[in-house]
Amino acid sequence: MQWLSDWWNDIELWMTQQSFWLQFALVIVVVGPLCVGVAWLIDRLVDKAAARFGPARRAGHKLQALPEPERRPEPGDQPAGTAS
C-alpha cells in the first residue's frame, strides 16, 4: 500500500502548487460528479432495502392518519369591529 500513499502524496503536492482557479475547476469537475454518483448509489440502496423489507404491518391493523391539531384563533384573524 506504500505505492498508494506515494501516489496520493504526489497528487496532493501537485494540486497545492496549482492556482486557486485550477484547483476549483478540478474539484468541480471531479468531486461534483463523484458526489452525485454516491448520492444516487445511496438512493438506490435505500430504495432496494425499503422494497425488500416493506412497511411493518400486523394482521388486521390499518394505518391511520394523525388527527389535525386544533387551531387557536390569532388576535389578527377576525376583522376589526366584529365580536369575538
N, C-alpha and C. Protein backbone atom coordinates (compact mmCIF):
# COMPACT_ATOMS: atom_id res chain seq x y z
N MET A 1 0.82 -1.20 0.00
CA MET A 1 0.00 0.00 0.00
C MET A 1 0.86 1.26 0.00
N GLN A 2 2.15 1.10 0.06
CA GLN A 2 3.04 2.26 0.03
C GLN A 2 2.89 3.01 -1.29
N TRP A 3 2.68 2.27 -2.37
CA TRP A 3 2.54 2.93 -3.67
C TRP A 3 1.32 3.85 -3.70
N LEU A 4 0.24 3.45 -3.03
CA LEU A 4 -0.96 4.27 -2.98
C LEU A 4 -0.70 5.54 -2.18
N SER A 5 -0.01 5.40 -1.08
CA SER A 5 0.33 6.57 -0.26
C SER A 5 1.24 7.52 -1.03
N ASP A 6 2.23 6.97 -1.74
CA ASP A 6 3.13 7.82 -2.54
C ASP A 6 2.37 8.51 -3.66
N TRP A 7 1.49 7.77 -4.33
CA TRP A 7 0.70 8.37 -5.42
C TRP A 7 -0.17 9.50 -4.89
N TRP A 8 -0.83 9.26 -3.77
CA TRP A 8 -1.70 10.29 -3.19
C TRP A 8 -0.90 11.52 -2.79
N ASN A 9 0.27 11.33 -2.20
CA ASN A 9 1.12 12.45 -1.82
C ASN A 9 1.58 13.24 -3.05
N ASP A 10 1.90 12.54 -4.15
CA ASP A 10 2.28 13.23 -5.38
C ASP A 10 1.14 14.07 -5.93
N ILE A 11 -0.07 13.53 -5.94
CA ILE A 11 -1.24 14.27 -6.42
C ILE A 11 -1.49 15.48 -5.53
N GLU A 12 -1.40 15.28 -4.22
CA GLU A 12 -1.63 16.35 -3.27
C GLU A 12 -0.61 17.48 -3.44
N LEU A 13 0.66 17.11 -3.61
CA LEU A 13 1.70 18.11 -3.81
C LEU A 13 1.48 18.87 -5.11
N TRP A 14 1.14 18.15 -6.18
CA TRP A 14 0.88 18.81 -7.46
C TRP A 14 -0.30 19.76 -7.35
N MET A 15 -1.35 19.32 -6.67
CA MET A 15 -2.57 20.13 -6.54
C MET A 15 -2.30 21.41 -5.77
N THR A 16 -1.53 21.33 -4.70
CA THR A 16 -1.28 22.53 -3.89
C THR A 16 -0.41 23.54 -4.62
N GLN A 17 0.30 23.13 -5.65
CA GLN A 17 1.14 24.06 -6.40
C GLN A 17 0.38 24.77 -7.52
N GLN A 18 -0.87 24.38 -7.76
CA GLN A 18 -1.65 24.99 -8.83
C GLN A 18 -2.36 26.24 -8.32
N SER A 19 -2.84 27.05 -9.27
CA SER A 19 -3.57 28.26 -8.90
C SER A 19 -4.93 27.88 -8.31
N PHE A 20 -5.53 28.83 -7.60
CA PHE A 20 -6.82 28.58 -6.97
C PHE A 20 -7.86 28.19 -8.01
N TRP A 21 -7.88 28.88 -9.14
CA TRP A 21 -8.93 28.65 -10.14
C TRP A 21 -8.82 27.27 -10.76
N LEU A 22 -7.60 26.78 -10.96
CA LEU A 22 -7.44 25.42 -11.48
C LEU A 22 -7.87 24.40 -10.42
N GLN A 23 -7.52 24.66 -9.15
CA GLN A 23 -7.96 23.77 -8.07
C GLN A 23 -9.48 23.73 -8.00
N PHE A 24 -10.10 24.91 -8.09
CA PHE A 24 -11.56 25.00 -8.04
C PHE A 24 -12.19 24.21 -9.19
N ALA A 25 -11.68 24.40 -10.40
CA ALA A 25 -12.23 23.71 -11.57
C ALA A 25 -12.08 22.20 -11.42
N LEU A 26 -10.93 21.75 -10.95
CA LEU A 26 -10.73 20.31 -10.78
C LEU A 26 -11.66 19.72 -9.73
N VAL A 27 -11.87 20.46 -8.66
CA VAL A 27 -12.79 19.97 -7.62
C VAL A 27 -14.20 19.88 -8.18
N ILE A 28 -14.64 20.89 -8.93
CA ILE A 28 -15.99 20.87 -9.51
C ILE A 28 -16.13 19.73 -10.51
N VAL A 29 -15.13 19.53 -11.34
CA VAL A 29 -15.21 18.50 -12.38
C VAL A 29 -15.10 17.09 -11.81
N VAL A 30 -14.30 16.91 -10.76
CA VAL A 30 -14.08 15.57 -10.21
C VAL A 30 -15.00 15.29 -9.03
N VAL A 31 -15.03 16.18 -8.05
CA VAL A 31 -15.78 15.92 -6.82
C VAL A 31 -17.28 16.05 -7.04
N GLY A 32 -17.70 16.98 -7.88
CA GLY A 32 -19.14 17.16 -8.14
C GLY A 32 -19.80 15.89 -8.66
N PRO A 33 -19.33 15.35 -9.79
CA PRO A 33 -19.93 14.11 -10.29
C PRO A 33 -19.75 12.93 -9.33
N LEU A 34 -18.65 12.89 -8.61
CA LEU A 34 -18.44 11.82 -7.64
C LEU A 34 -19.50 11.86 -6.54
N CYS A 35 -19.80 13.06 -6.05
CA CYS A 35 -20.84 13.21 -5.01
C CYS A 35 -22.22 12.84 -5.56
N VAL A 36 -22.50 13.24 -6.79
CA VAL A 36 -23.79 12.89 -7.40
C VAL A 36 -23.90 11.37 -7.54
N GLY A 37 -22.82 10.73 -7.96
CA GLY A 37 -22.82 9.28 -8.10
C GLY A 37 -23.03 8.56 -6.77
N VAL A 38 -22.36 9.03 -5.73
CA VAL A 38 -22.51 8.41 -4.40
C VAL A 38 -23.93 8.62 -3.89
N ALA A 39 -24.49 9.82 -4.10
CA ALA A 39 -25.87 10.09 -3.66
C ALA A 39 -26.85 9.18 -4.40
N TRP A 40 -26.64 8.99 -5.70
CA TRP A 40 -27.51 8.11 -6.50
C TRP A 40 -27.41 6.67 -5.97
N LEU A 41 -26.19 6.23 -5.67
CA LEU A 41 -25.99 4.87 -5.17
C LEU A 41 -26.69 4.67 -3.81
N ILE A 42 -26.55 5.64 -2.93
CA ILE A 42 -27.23 5.55 -1.63
C ILE A 42 -28.74 5.51 -1.82
N ASP A 43 -29.26 6.33 -2.73
CA ASP A 43 -30.70 6.35 -3.01
C ASP A 43 -31.18 4.98 -3.50
N ARG A 44 -30.42 4.38 -4.41
CA ARG A 44 -30.80 3.06 -4.94
C ARG A 44 -30.77 2.00 -3.84
N LEU A 45 -29.75 2.04 -2.98
CA LEU A 45 -29.66 1.05 -1.90
C LEU A 45 -30.81 1.19 -0.91
N VAL A 46 -31.16 2.42 -0.58
CA VAL A 46 -32.28 2.63 0.34
C VAL A 46 -33.58 2.18 -0.30
N ASP A 47 -33.78 2.46 -1.59
CA ASP A 47 -34.99 2.00 -2.29
C ASP A 47 -35.09 0.48 -2.28
N LYS A 48 -33.97 -0.20 -2.55
CA LYS A 48 -33.99 -1.67 -2.57
C LYS A 48 -34.27 -2.23 -1.17
N ALA A 49 -33.67 -1.63 -0.15
CA ALA A 49 -33.91 -2.10 1.22
C ALA A 49 -35.36 -1.86 1.62
N ALA A 50 -35.91 -0.72 1.25
CA ALA A 50 -37.31 -0.42 1.59
C ALA A 50 -38.25 -1.37 0.85
N ALA A 51 -37.94 -1.69 -0.40
CA ALA A 51 -38.79 -2.61 -1.16
C ALA A 51 -38.70 -4.03 -0.59
N ARG A 52 -37.53 -4.40 -0.12
CA ARG A 52 -37.36 -5.75 0.41
C ARG A 52 -38.06 -5.93 1.75
N PHE A 53 -37.88 -4.98 2.64
CA PHE A 53 -38.45 -5.12 3.97
C PHE A 53 -39.88 -4.64 4.04
N GLY A 54 -40.23 -3.64 3.26
CA GLY A 54 -41.60 -3.14 3.23
C GLY A 54 -42.03 -2.55 4.56
N PRO A 55 -43.27 -2.05 4.59
CA PRO A 55 -43.77 -1.47 5.84
C PRO A 55 -44.09 -2.57 6.85
N ALA A 56 -43.92 -2.26 8.11
CA ALA A 56 -44.25 -3.22 9.18
C ALA A 56 -45.74 -3.12 9.46
N ARG A 57 -46.49 -4.17 9.15
CA ARG A 57 -47.94 -4.19 9.38
C ARG A 57 -48.30 -5.47 10.11
N ARG A 58 -49.22 -5.33 11.02
CA ARG A 58 -49.76 -6.50 11.71
C ARG A 58 -51.05 -6.91 11.02
N ALA A 59 -51.41 -8.16 11.18
CA ALA A 59 -52.64 -8.65 10.56
C ALA A 59 -53.83 -7.89 11.13
N GLY A 60 -54.66 -7.35 10.27
CA GLY A 60 -55.86 -6.65 10.68
C GLY A 60 -55.61 -5.23 11.16
N HIS A 61 -54.39 -4.77 11.10
CA HIS A 61 -54.08 -3.41 11.57
C HIS A 61 -53.96 -2.49 10.36
N LYS A 62 -54.77 -1.43 10.36
CA LYS A 62 -54.72 -0.47 9.26
C LYS A 62 -54.02 0.80 9.73
N LEU A 63 -53.29 1.39 8.82
CA LEU A 63 -52.63 2.65 9.14
C LEU A 63 -53.66 3.76 9.18
N GLN A 64 -53.54 4.63 10.17
CA GLN A 64 -54.47 5.75 10.29
C GLN A 64 -53.68 7.04 10.30
N ALA A 65 -54.31 8.06 9.75
CA ALA A 65 -53.68 9.38 9.74
C ALA A 65 -53.80 10.00 11.13
N LEU A 66 -52.85 10.82 11.47
CA LEU A 66 -52.91 11.54 12.74
C LEU A 66 -53.99 12.60 12.67
N PRO A 67 -54.70 12.86 13.76
CA PRO A 67 -55.73 13.90 13.73
C PRO A 67 -55.09 15.28 13.56
N GLU A 68 -55.84 16.16 12.92
CA GLU A 68 -55.37 17.53 12.73
C GLU A 68 -55.33 18.24 14.08
N PRO A 69 -54.27 18.98 14.35
CA PRO A 69 -54.23 19.72 15.62
C PRO A 69 -55.24 20.87 15.60
N GLU A 70 -55.79 21.17 16.78
CA GLU A 70 -56.74 22.28 16.86
C GLU A 70 -56.01 23.58 16.61
N ARG A 71 -56.67 24.44 15.85
CA ARG A 71 -56.07 25.74 15.54
C ARG A 71 -56.70 26.79 16.43
N ARG A 72 -55.87 27.47 17.16
CA ARG A 72 -56.36 28.56 18.00
C ARG A 72 -56.39 29.84 17.18
N PRO A 73 -57.47 30.62 17.30
CA PRO A 73 -57.51 31.86 16.53
C PRO A 73 -56.47 32.85 17.05
N GLU A 74 -55.83 33.50 16.12
CA GLU A 74 -54.85 34.53 16.45
C GLU A 74 -55.57 35.85 16.63
N PRO A 75 -54.98 36.80 17.35
CA PRO A 75 -55.65 38.09 17.56
C PRO A 75 -55.98 38.81 16.25
N GLY A 76 -55.21 38.66 15.22
CA GLY A 76 -55.46 39.36 13.96
C GLY A 76 -56.34 38.59 12.99
N ASP A 77 -56.90 37.44 13.39
CA ASP A 77 -57.72 36.63 12.48
C ASP A 77 -59.08 37.24 12.19
N GLN A 78 -59.69 37.95 13.14
CA GLN A 78 -61.04 38.48 12.95
C GLN A 78 -60.96 39.94 12.52
N PRO A 79 -61.85 40.34 11.61
CA PRO A 79 -61.85 41.74 11.18
C PRO A 79 -62.17 42.68 12.34
N ALA A 80 -61.68 43.88 12.24
CA ALA A 80 -61.91 44.88 13.29
C ALA A 80 -63.39 45.21 13.38
N GLY A 81 -63.89 45.40 14.58
CA GLY A 81 -65.28 45.80 14.78
C GLY A 81 -66.24 44.65 14.92
N THR A 82 -65.78 43.40 14.83
CA THR A 82 -66.67 42.25 15.00
C THR A 82 -66.46 41.66 16.39
N ALA A 83 -67.51 41.05 16.89
CA ALA A 83 -67.42 40.44 18.22
C ALA A 83 -66.58 39.18 18.13
N SER A 84 -65.86 38.89 19.19
CA SER A 84 -65.01 37.71 19.17
C SER A 84 -65.64 36.52 19.82
